[in-house]
């Protein structure tokens, strides 16, 4: 988890990351035990603040819970990821691209990626290495 936050911080740049990821909401999973390292960069500057949602309180995570449901459609809980072909980062990127390309009623029939392209084309370009899936 920390490596992913570090990567996104690097891609976006510190100032933009600070502005757009002021607070990160998550559950209390073991992958988030290094929250203090995620909140503070190695140079001592504050990067973000972690908010841990209460157990069984999915409403505290807003639309993030809907993304989790989409992820579970692709990768059911306790599924052998290798058995369904998730064997490397590329496979994970394809899953992420499908979720980010999913058209959402809440976004007037647009995807998260389309919204990013509209609001911040320069930021969207930083993520073009990920494949945008054309949804039907």
C-alpha atoms as a PDB file:
ATOM      1  CA  UNK A   1       0.000   0.000   0.000  1.00  0.00           C
ATOM      2  CA  UNK A   2       2.758   2.428   0.901  1.00  0.00           C
ATOM      3  CA  UNK A   3       4.577   1.762  -2.378  1.00  0.00           C
ATOM      4  CA  UNK A   4       1.374   2.608  -4.272  1.00  0.00           C
ATOM      5  CA  UNK A   5       0.900   5.879  -2.400  1.00  0.00           C
ATOM      6  CA  UNK A   6       4.549   6.766  -2.996  1.00  0.00           C
ATOM      7  CA  UNK A   7       4.128   6.056  -6.723  1.00  0.00           C
ATOM      8  CA  UNK A   8       0.984   8.169  -7.057  1.00  0.00           C
ATOM      9  CA  UNK A   9       2.667  10.966  -5.070  1.00  0.00           C
ATOM     10  CA  UNK A  10       5.587  10.818  -7.507  1.00  0.00           C
ATOM     11  CA  UNK A  11       3.369  10.754 -10.622  1.00  0.00           C
ATOM     12  CA  UNK A  12       1.152  13.625  -9.492  1.00  0.00           C
ATOM     13  CA  UNK A  13       3.839  15.680  -7.783  1.00  0.00           C
ATOM     14  CA  UNK A  14       3.811  16.635  -4.106  1.00  0.00           C
ATOM     15  CA  UNK A  15       1.747  19.829  -4.425  1.00  0.00           C
ATOM     16  CA  UNK A  16      -1.007  18.241  -6.507  1.00  0.00           C
ATOM     17  CA  UNK A  17      -1.083  15.111  -4.325  1.00  0.00           C
ATOM     18  CA  UNK A  18      -1.384  17.277  -1.183  1.00  0.00           C
ATOM     19  CA  UNK A  19      -4.306  19.146  -2.733  1.00  0.00           C
ATOM     20  CA  UNK A  20      -6.197  16.171  -4.169  1.00  0.00           C
ATOM     21  CA  UNK A  21      -5.454  13.521  -1.529  1.00  0.00           C
ATOM     22  CA  UNK A  22      -5.745  15.627   1.595  1.00  0.00           C
ATOM     23  CA  UNK A  23      -7.552  12.751   3.329  1.00  0.00           C
ATOM     24  CA  UNK A  24      -7.451   9.043   2.450  1.00  0.00           C
ATOM     25  CA  UNK A  25     -10.358   6.937   3.725  1.00  0.00           C
ATOM     26  CA  UNK A  26      -9.798   3.255   4.266  1.00  0.00           C
ATOM     27  CA  UNK A  27     -10.789   0.285   6.352  1.00  0.00           C
ATOM     28  CA  UNK A  28      -8.687  -1.071   9.185  1.00  0.00           C
ATOM     29  CA  UNK A  29      -7.019  -3.829   7.163  1.00  0.00           C
ATOM     30  CA  UNK A  30      -3.522  -5.009   7.996  1.00  0.00           C
ATOM     31  CA  UNK A  31      -2.176  -3.501   4.769  1.00  0.00           C
ATOM     32  CA  UNK A  32      -2.696  -0.081   6.351  1.00  0.00           C
ATOM     33  CA  UNK A  33      -0.561  -0.647   9.447  1.00  0.00           C
ATOM     34  CA  UNK A  34       2.057   1.722   8.019  1.00  0.00           C
ATOM     35  CA  UNK A  35      -0.392   4.646   7.911  1.00  0.00           C
ATOM     36  CA  UNK A  36       2.025   7.017   9.630  1.00  0.00           C
ATOM     37  CA  UNK A  37       4.545   6.424   6.827  1.00  0.00           C
ATOM     38  CA  UNK A  38       1.808   7.130   4.286  1.00  0.00           C
ATOM     39  CA  UNK A  39       0.848  10.370   6.022  1.00  0.00           C
ATOM     40  CA  UNK A  40       4.393  11.753   6.288  1.00  0.00           C
ATOM     41  CA  UNK A  41       6.973  11.673   3.492  1.00  0.00           C
ATOM     42  CA  UNK A  42      10.515  10.501   4.151  1.00  0.00           C
ATOM     43  CA  UNK A  43      11.619  14.173   4.191  1.00  0.00           C
ATOM     44  CA  UNK A  44       9.235  14.858   7.109  1.00  0.00           C
ATOM     45  CA  UNK A  45       6.601  16.841   5.182  1.00  0.00           C
ATOM     46  CA  UNK A  46       2.922  15.964   5.581  1.00  0.00           C
ATOM     47  CA  UNK A  47       1.498  14.164   2.570  1.00  0.00           C
ATOM     48  CA  UNK A  48      -2.043  13.284   3.666  1.00  0.00           C
ATOM     49  CA  UNK A  49      -4.122  12.176   6.632  1.00  0.00           C
ATOM     50  CA  UNK A  50      -5.532   8.672   6.931  1.00  0.00           C
ATOM     51  CA  UNK A  51      -9.103   8.213   8.158  1.00  0.00           C
ATOM     52  CA  UNK A  52      -9.997   4.710   9.281  1.00  0.00           C
ATOM     53  CA  UNK A  53     -13.666   3.930   8.812  1.00  0.00           C
ATOM     54  CA  UNK A  54     -15.478   2.011  11.500  1.00  0.00           C
ATOM     55  CA  UNK A  55     -16.012  -1.732  10.935  1.00  0.00           C
ATOM     56  CA  UNK A  56     -19.279  -2.547   9.146  1.00  0.00           C
ATOM     57  CA  UNK A  57     -19.809   1.164   8.334  1.00  0.00           C
ATOM     58  CA  UNK A  58     -19.601   1.151   4.547  1.00  0.00           C
ATOM     59  CA  UNK A  59     -21.490   4.468   4.357  1.00  0.00           C
ATOM     60  CA  UNK A  60     -18.382   6.166   5.769  1.00  0.00           C
ATOM     61  CA  UNK A  61     -16.490   5.307   2.592  1.00  0.00           C
ATOM     62  CA  UNK A  62     -18.991   6.813   0.155  1.00  0.00           C
ATOM     63  CA  UNK A  63     -18.638   5.691  -3.452  1.00  0.00           C
ATOM     64  CA  UNK A  64     -15.460   3.790  -2.602  1.00  0.00           C
ATOM     65  CA  UNK A  65     -17.687   0.941  -1.448  1.00  0.00           C
ATOM     66  CA  UNK A  66     -19.238   0.787  -4.935  1.00  0.00           C
ATOM     67  CA  UNK A  67     -15.757   0.421  -6.429  1.00  0.00           C
ATOM     68  CA  UNK A  68     -15.128  -2.399  -3.965  1.00  0.00           C
ATOM     69  CA  UNK A  69     -18.287  -4.157  -5.170  1.00  0.00           C
ATOM     70  CA  UNK A  70     -17.084  -3.875  -8.789  1.00  0.00           C
ATOM     71  CA  UNK A  71     -13.714  -5.286  -7.770  1.00  0.00           C
ATOM     72  CA  UNK A  72     -15.442  -8.222  -6.055  1.00  0.00           C
ATOM     73  CA  UNK A  73     -17.346  -8.983  -9.273  1.00  0.00           C
ATOM     74  CA  UNK A  74     -14.000  -9.444 -11.008  1.00  0.00           C
ATOM     75  CA  UNK A  75     -12.105 -10.980  -8.076  1.00  0.00           C
ATOM     76  CA  UNK A  76     -14.509 -12.692  -5.667  1.00  0.00           C
ATOM     77  CA  UNK A  77     -13.392 -12.886  -2.049  1.00  0.00           C
ATOM     78  CA  UNK A  78     -11.009 -15.790  -1.392  1.00  0.00           C
ATOM     79  CA  UNK A  79     -10.630 -16.327  -5.153  1.00  0.00           C
ATOM     80  CA  UNK A  80      -7.322 -17.740  -6.384  1.00  0.00           C
ATOM     81  CA  UNK A  81      -6.107 -14.748  -8.391  1.00  0.00           C
ATOM     82  CA  UNK A  82      -3.681 -16.869 -10.397  1.00  0.00           C
ATOM     83  CA  UNK A  83      -6.563 -19.136 -11.423  1.00  0.00           C
ATOM     84  CA  UNK A  84      -8.370 -16.178 -13.028  1.00  0.00           C
ATOM     85  CA  UNK A  85      -5.213 -14.838 -14.688  1.00  0.00           C
ATOM     86  CA  UNK A  86      -4.154 -12.138 -12.230  1.00  0.00           C
ATOM     87  CA  UNK A  87      -0.469 -13.002 -12.199  1.00  0.00           C
ATOM     88  CA  UNK A  88       1.307  -9.669 -12.677  1.00  0.00           C
ATOM     89  CA  UNK A  89       1.003  -5.885 -12.510  1.00  0.00           C
ATOM     90  CA  UNK A  90      -0.330  -5.720 -16.072  1.00  0.00           C
ATOM     91  CA  UNK A  91      -3.317  -7.878 -15.080  1.00  0.00           C
ATOM     92  CA  UNK A  92      -3.949  -5.611 -12.079  1.00  0.00           C
ATOM     93  CA  UNK A  93      -3.748  -2.570 -14.376  1.00  0.00           C
ATOM     94  CA  UNK A  94      -6.388  -4.106 -16.673  1.00  0.00           C
ATOM     95  CA  UNK A  95      -8.709  -4.662 -13.704  1.00  0.00           C
ATOM     96  CA  UNK A  96      -8.162  -1.084 -12.552  1.00  0.00           C
ATOM     97  CA  UNK A  97      -8.716   0.228 -16.071  1.00  0.00           C
ATOM     98  CA  UNK A  98     -12.023  -1.631 -16.330  1.00  0.00           C
ATOM     99  CA  UNK A  99     -13.209  -0.191 -13.028  1.00  0.00           C
ATOM    100  CA  UNK A 100     -12.030   3.351 -13.876  1.00  0.00           C
ATOM    101  CA  UNK A 101     -13.705   3.102 -17.300  1.00  0.00           C
ATOM    102  CA  UNK A 102     -17.041   1.920 -15.851  1.00  0.00           C
ATOM    103  CA  UNK A 103     -19.805   4.389 -16.711  1.00  0.00           C
ATOM    104  CA  UNK A 104     -21.492   5.711 -13.574  1.00  0.00           C
ATOM    105  CA  UNK A 105     -24.978   7.145 -13.236  1.00  0.00           C
ATOM    106  CA  UNK A 106     -23.672   9.468 -10.510  1.00  0.00           C
ATOM    107  CA  UNK A 107     -21.260  10.959 -13.093  1.00  0.00           C
ATOM    108  CA  UNK A 108     -24.012  11.489 -15.710  1.00  0.00           C
ATOM    109  CA  UNK A 109     -23.053   8.379 -17.634  1.00  0.00           C
ATOM    110  CA  UNK A 110     -19.330   9.168 -17.644  1.00  0.00           C
ATOM    111  CA  UNK A 111     -16.456   7.166 -16.205  1.00  0.00           C
ATOM    112  CA  UNK A 112     -14.058   8.280 -13.487  1.00  0.00           C
ATOM    113  CA  UNK A 113     -11.339   8.518 -16.108  1.00  0.00           C
ATOM    114  CA  UNK A 114     -13.502  10.657 -18.416  1.00  0.00           C
ATOM    115  CA  UNK A 115     -14.189  12.986 -15.490  1.00  0.00           C
ATOM    116  CA  UNK A 116     -10.462  13.250 -14.791  1.00  0.00           C
ATOM    117  CA  UNK A 117      -9.791  14.018 -18.473  1.00  0.00           C
ATOM    118  CA  UNK A 118     -12.423  16.773 -18.357  1.00  0.00           C
ATOM    119  CA  UNK A 119     -11.348  18.336 -15.056  1.00  0.00           C
ATOM    120  CA  UNK A 120      -7.599  17.998 -15.435  1.00  0.00           C
ATOM    121  CA  UNK A 121      -6.335  16.901 -18.860  1.00  0.00           C
ATOM    122  CA  UNK A 122      -2.694  17.299 -17.808  1.00  0.00           C
ATOM    123  CA  UNK A 123      -3.201  14.994 -14.828  1.00  0.00           C
ATOM    124  CA  UNK A 124      -5.082  12.474 -16.977  1.00  0.00           C
ATOM    125  CA  UNK A 125      -2.115  12.308 -19.359  1.00  0.00           C
ATOM    126  CA  UNK A 126       0.043  11.083 -16.473  1.00  0.00           C
ATOM    127  CA  UNK A 127      -2.176   8.004 -16.280  1.00  0.00           C
ATOM    128  CA  UNK A 128      -2.381   7.201 -20.014  1.00  0.00           C
ATOM    129  CA  UNK A 129      -0.082   4.212 -19.562  1.00  0.00           C
ATOM    130  CA  UNK A 130      -3.145   2.549 -18.072  1.00  0.00           C
ATOM    131  CA  UNK A 131      -5.621   1.356 -20.661  1.00  0.00           C
ATOM    132  CA  UNK A 132      -8.963   3.108 -20.908  1.00  0.00           C
ATOM    133  CA  UNK A 133     -11.602   0.521 -21.761  1.00  0.00           C
ATOM    134  CA  UNK A 134     -14.440   1.633 -24.047  1.00  0.00           C
ATOM    135  CA  UNK A 135     -17.609   0.636 -22.200  1.00  0.00           C
ATOM    136  CA  UNK A 136     -20.763  -0.246 -24.133  1.00  0.00           C
END
